[in-house]
Amino acid sequence: MEKVLSRQDSQEQGLTTQVPDSSFLSFSTRLKWFLIRFACSIFFSICGTGLLWFPGGIKLFAAFYTLGSIGALAGTCFIY
């Protein structure tokens, strides 16, 4: 409790050592969720491309392809 009140522990550590300590997921768990998220993103992108040839599919293509791209980028957040 004294370390929390005096803030000595956080002042002694640099930012590069504090950030990894705040992560509560193991590397294998983060890697699994990245792969799941990335696979779902590829699925959405392929579905969006498939919907491109349907009548009025341009809007669905845009929505699904955008979700796929954002999902792939968001999935990289699990890596670090």
N, C-alpha and C. Protein backbone atom coordinates (compact mmCIF):
# COMPACT_ATOMS: atom_id res chain seq x y z
N MET A 1 0.82 -1.19 0.00
CA MET A 1 0.00 0.00 0.00
C MET A 1 0.87 1.25 0.00
N GLU A 2 2.02 1.18 0.63
CA GLU A 2 2.89 2.34 0.67
C GLU A 2 3.43 2.68 -0.71
N LYS A 3 3.69 1.65 -1.54
CA LYS A 3 4.19 1.91 -2.88
C LYS A 3 3.15 2.65 -3.73
N VAL A 4 1.90 2.32 -3.53
CA VAL A 4 0.84 2.97 -4.29
C VAL A 4 0.72 4.43 -3.89
N LEU A 5 0.80 4.68 -2.60
CA LEU A 5 0.66 6.06 -2.13
C LEU A 5 1.89 6.90 -2.42
N SER A 6 3.06 6.31 -2.35
CA SER A 6 4.27 7.09 -2.55
C SER A 6 4.70 7.16 -4.02
N ARG A 7 4.16 6.31 -4.86
CA ARG A 7 4.45 6.28 -6.29
C ARG A 7 5.92 6.00 -6.59
N GLN A 8 6.61 5.37 -5.69
CA GLN A 8 8.02 5.07 -5.92
C GLN A 8 8.19 4.00 -6.98
N ASP A 9 7.31 3.03 -7.02
CA ASP A 9 7.43 1.92 -7.96
C ASP A 9 7.28 2.40 -9.40
N SER A 10 6.32 3.29 -9.67
CA SER A 10 6.09 3.73 -11.04
C SER A 10 7.16 4.72 -11.49
N GLN A 11 7.80 5.43 -10.57
CA GLN A 11 8.84 6.36 -10.95
C GLN A 11 10.14 5.64 -11.25
N GLU A 12 10.36 4.49 -10.65
CA GLU A 12 11.59 3.76 -10.88
C GLU A 12 11.58 3.04 -12.22
N GLN A 13 10.42 2.63 -12.69
CA GLN A 13 10.32 1.92 -13.95
C GLN A 13 10.09 2.91 -15.09
N GLY A 14 10.67 2.59 -16.24
CA GLY A 14 10.44 3.40 -17.42
C GLY A 14 9.13 3.01 -18.09
N LEU A 15 8.75 3.79 -19.06
CA LEU A 15 7.50 3.53 -19.76
C LEU A 15 7.54 2.21 -20.51
N THR A 16 8.69 1.85 -21.05
CA THR A 16 8.80 0.60 -21.81
C THR A 16 8.64 -0.63 -20.94
N THR A 17 8.89 -0.53 -19.67
CA THR A 17 8.68 -1.68 -18.78
C THR A 17 7.29 -1.67 -18.17
N GLN A 18 6.65 -0.51 -18.10
CA GLN A 18 5.31 -0.43 -17.52
C GLN A 18 4.24 -0.94 -18.48
N VAL A 19 4.37 -0.66 -19.76
CA VAL A 19 3.34 -1.04 -20.73
C VAL A 19 3.20 -2.55 -20.84
N PRO A 20 4.27 -3.33 -21.05
CA PRO A 20 4.07 -4.79 -21.12
C PRO A 20 3.55 -5.40 -19.81
N ASP A 21 3.87 -4.79 -18.68
CA ASP A 21 3.38 -5.30 -17.41
C ASP A 21 1.88 -5.12 -17.26
N SER A 22 1.29 -4.16 -17.98
CA SER A 22 -0.14 -3.92 -17.85
C SER A 22 -0.97 -4.90 -18.67
N SER A 23 -0.35 -5.65 -19.57
CA SER A 23 -1.08 -6.62 -20.38
C SER A 23 -1.37 -7.86 -19.55
N PHE A 24 -2.62 -8.30 -19.55
CA PHE A 24 -2.99 -9.43 -18.72
C PHE A 24 -3.23 -10.70 -19.55
N LEU A 25 -3.10 -10.62 -20.88
CA LEU A 25 -3.25 -11.78 -21.73
C LEU A 25 -1.89 -12.37 -22.07
N SER A 26 -1.81 -13.68 -22.11
CA SER A 26 -0.54 -14.30 -22.50
C SER A 26 -0.35 -14.13 -24.01
N PHE A 27 0.89 -14.34 -24.45
CA PHE A 27 1.19 -14.16 -25.86
C PHE A 27 0.41 -15.15 -26.73
N SER A 28 0.28 -16.39 -26.26
CA SER A 28 -0.44 -17.39 -27.05
C SER A 28 -1.92 -17.03 -27.18
N THR A 29 -2.52 -16.47 -26.13
CA THR A 29 -3.91 -16.05 -26.19
C THR A 29 -4.07 -14.89 -27.16
N ARG A 30 -3.16 -13.93 -27.11
CA ARG A 30 -3.22 -12.79 -28.03
C ARG A 30 -3.04 -13.25 -29.47
N LEU A 31 -2.14 -14.21 -29.70
CA LEU A 31 -1.91 -14.71 -31.04
C LEU A 31 -3.14 -15.45 -31.58
N LYS A 32 -3.78 -16.23 -30.72
CA LYS A 32 -5.00 -16.93 -31.14
C LYS A 32 -6.10 -15.95 -31.53
N TRP A 33 -6.31 -14.92 -30.72
CA TRP A 33 -7.35 -13.95 -31.02
C TRP A 33 -7.01 -13.13 -32.26
N PHE A 34 -5.72 -12.87 -32.49
CA PHE A 34 -5.32 -12.18 -33.71
C PHE A 34 -5.66 -13.03 -34.92
N LEU A 35 -5.35 -14.33 -34.88
CA LEU A 35 -5.63 -15.21 -36.01
C LEU A 35 -7.13 -15.35 -36.25
N ILE A 36 -7.92 -15.45 -35.18
CA ILE A 36 -9.37 -15.53 -35.31
C ILE A 36 -9.91 -14.25 -35.94
N ARG A 37 -9.46 -13.12 -35.45
CA ARG A 37 -9.92 -11.83 -35.95
C ARG A 37 -9.52 -11.64 -37.41
N PHE A 38 -8.29 -12.04 -37.74
CA PHE A 38 -7.80 -11.88 -39.10
C PHE A 38 -8.56 -12.79 -40.07
N ALA A 39 -8.86 -14.02 -39.64
CA ALA A 39 -9.63 -14.94 -40.49
C ALA A 39 -11.04 -14.41 -40.73
N CYS A 40 -11.66 -13.87 -39.70
CA CYS A 40 -13.00 -13.27 -39.87
C CYS A 40 -12.95 -12.08 -40.82
N SER A 41 -11.88 -11.31 -40.74
CA SER A 41 -11.74 -10.15 -41.62
C SER A 41 -11.58 -10.58 -43.07
N ILE A 42 -10.81 -11.63 -43.30
CA ILE A 42 -10.66 -12.14 -44.66
C ILE A 42 -12.00 -12.65 -45.18
N PHE A 43 -12.74 -13.33 -44.32
CA PHE A 43 -14.07 -13.83 -44.69
C PHE A 43 -14.99 -12.68 -45.10
N PHE A 44 -15.01 -11.59 -44.32
CA PHE A 44 -15.84 -10.44 -44.65
C PHE A 44 -15.41 -9.81 -45.97
N SER A 45 -14.11 -9.73 -46.20
CA SER A 45 -13.62 -9.14 -47.45
C SER A 45 -14.01 -9.99 -48.65
N ILE A 46 -13.90 -11.31 -48.52
CA ILE A 46 -14.27 -12.20 -49.62
C ILE A 46 -15.78 -12.15 -49.86
N CYS A 47 -16.56 -12.11 -48.79
CA CYS A 47 -18.02 -11.99 -48.94
C CYS A 47 -18.37 -10.67 -49.63
N GLY A 48 -17.69 -9.61 -49.26
CA GLY A 48 -17.93 -8.32 -49.90
C GLY A 48 -17.61 -8.35 -51.37
N THR A 49 -16.52 -9.00 -51.73
CA THR A 49 -16.16 -9.12 -53.14
C THR A 49 -17.18 -9.97 -53.89
N GLY A 50 -17.68 -11.03 -53.26
CA GLY A 50 -18.71 -11.86 -53.88
C GLY A 50 -20.02 -11.11 -54.08
N LEU A 51 -20.35 -10.21 -53.19
CA LEU A 51 -21.60 -9.45 -53.30
C LEU A 51 -21.52 -8.35 -54.35
N LEU A 52 -20.34 -8.11 -54.86
CA LEU A 52 -20.14 -7.05 -55.84
C LEU A 52 -20.93 -7.29 -57.12
N TRP A 53 -21.14 -8.55 -57.50
CA TRP A 53 -21.80 -8.87 -58.75
C TRP A 53 -23.32 -8.99 -58.63
N PHE A 54 -23.86 -8.82 -57.46
CA PHE A 54 -25.31 -8.84 -57.29
C PHE A 54 -25.87 -7.45 -57.60
N PRO A 55 -27.13 -7.39 -58.02
CA PRO A 55 -27.73 -6.06 -58.26
C PRO A 55 -27.76 -5.25 -56.95
N GLY A 56 -27.29 -4.06 -57.02
CA GLY A 56 -27.24 -3.20 -55.84
C GLY A 56 -26.18 -3.64 -54.85
N GLY A 57 -25.26 -4.44 -55.31
CA GLY A 57 -24.24 -4.99 -54.41
C GLY A 57 -23.09 -4.06 -54.11
N ILE A 58 -23.05 -2.93 -54.79
CA ILE A 58 -21.95 -1.99 -54.55
C ILE A 58 -21.96 -1.50 -53.11
N LYS A 59 -23.15 -1.24 -52.56
CA LYS A 59 -23.25 -0.78 -51.17
C LYS A 59 -22.86 -1.88 -50.20
N LEU A 60 -23.30 -3.10 -50.49
CA LEU A 60 -22.92 -4.23 -49.63
C LEU A 60 -21.43 -4.52 -49.73
N PHE A 61 -20.89 -4.40 -50.94
CA PHE A 61 -19.45 -4.57 -51.12
C PHE A 61 -18.69 -3.56 -50.27
N ALA A 62 -19.10 -2.31 -50.35
CA ALA A 62 -18.42 -1.27 -49.58
C ALA A 62 -18.49 -1.54 -48.08
N ALA A 63 -19.66 -1.96 -47.61
CA ALA A 63 -19.82 -2.21 -46.18
C ALA A 63 -18.99 -3.40 -45.71
N PHE A 64 -19.10 -4.52 -46.43
CA PHE A 64 -18.38 -5.73 -46.01
C PHE A 64 -16.87 -5.58 -46.17
N TYR A 65 -16.44 -4.96 -47.26
CA TYR A 65 -15.01 -4.79 -47.48
C TYR A 65 -14.40 -3.84 -46.45
N THR A 66 -15.16 -2.80 -46.09
CA THR A 66 -14.70 -1.87 -45.06
C THR A 66 -14.61 -2.56 -43.70
N LEU A 67 -15.63 -3.36 -43.36
CA LEU A 67 -15.58 -4.11 -42.10
C LEU A 67 -14.40 -5.07 -42.07
N GLY A 68 -14.14 -5.71 -43.21
CA GLY A 68 -13.00 -6.62 -43.29
C GLY A 68 -11.68 -5.90 -43.09
N SER A 69 -11.53 -4.76 -43.71
CA SER A 69 -10.28 -4.00 -43.60
C SER A 69 -10.07 -3.46 -42.19
N ILE A 70 -11.13 -2.91 -41.61
CA ILE A 70 -11.02 -2.38 -40.25
C ILE A 70 -10.76 -3.52 -39.26
N GLY A 71 -11.42 -4.65 -39.49
CA GLY A 71 -11.20 -5.80 -38.61
C GLY A 71 -9.77 -6.32 -38.68
N ALA A 72 -9.20 -6.35 -39.86
CA ALA A 72 -7.81 -6.80 -40.01
C ALA A 72 -6.86 -5.84 -39.30
N LEU A 73 -7.11 -4.56 -39.42
CA LEU A 73 -6.26 -3.59 -38.73
C LEU A 73 -6.45 -3.66 -37.21
N ALA A 74 -7.69 -3.84 -36.78
CA ALA A 74 -7.97 -3.93 -35.34
C ALA A 74 -7.39 -5.21 -34.76
N GLY A 75 -7.31 -6.26 -35.55
CA GLY A 75 -6.76 -7.52 -35.06
C GLY A 75 -5.29 -7.41 -34.68
N THR A 76 -4.59 -6.47 -35.29
CA THR A 76 -3.17 -6.31 -34.93
C THR A 76 -3.00 -5.75 -33.54
N CYS A 77 -4.06 -5.20 -32.95
CA CYS A 77 -3.97 -4.70 -31.58
C CYS A 77 -3.74 -5.82 -30.59
N PHE A 78 -4.12 -7.05 -30.95
CA PHE A 78 -3.91 -8.18 -30.06
C PHE A 78 -2.45 -8.62 -30.02
N ILE A 79 -1.68 -8.28 -31.04
CA ILE A 79 -0.30 -8.75 -31.11
C ILE A 79 0.57 -8.11 -30.04
N TYR A 80 0.42 -6.82 -29.82
CA TYR A 80 1.29 -6.17 -28.83
C TYR A 80 0.76 -6.27 -27.46
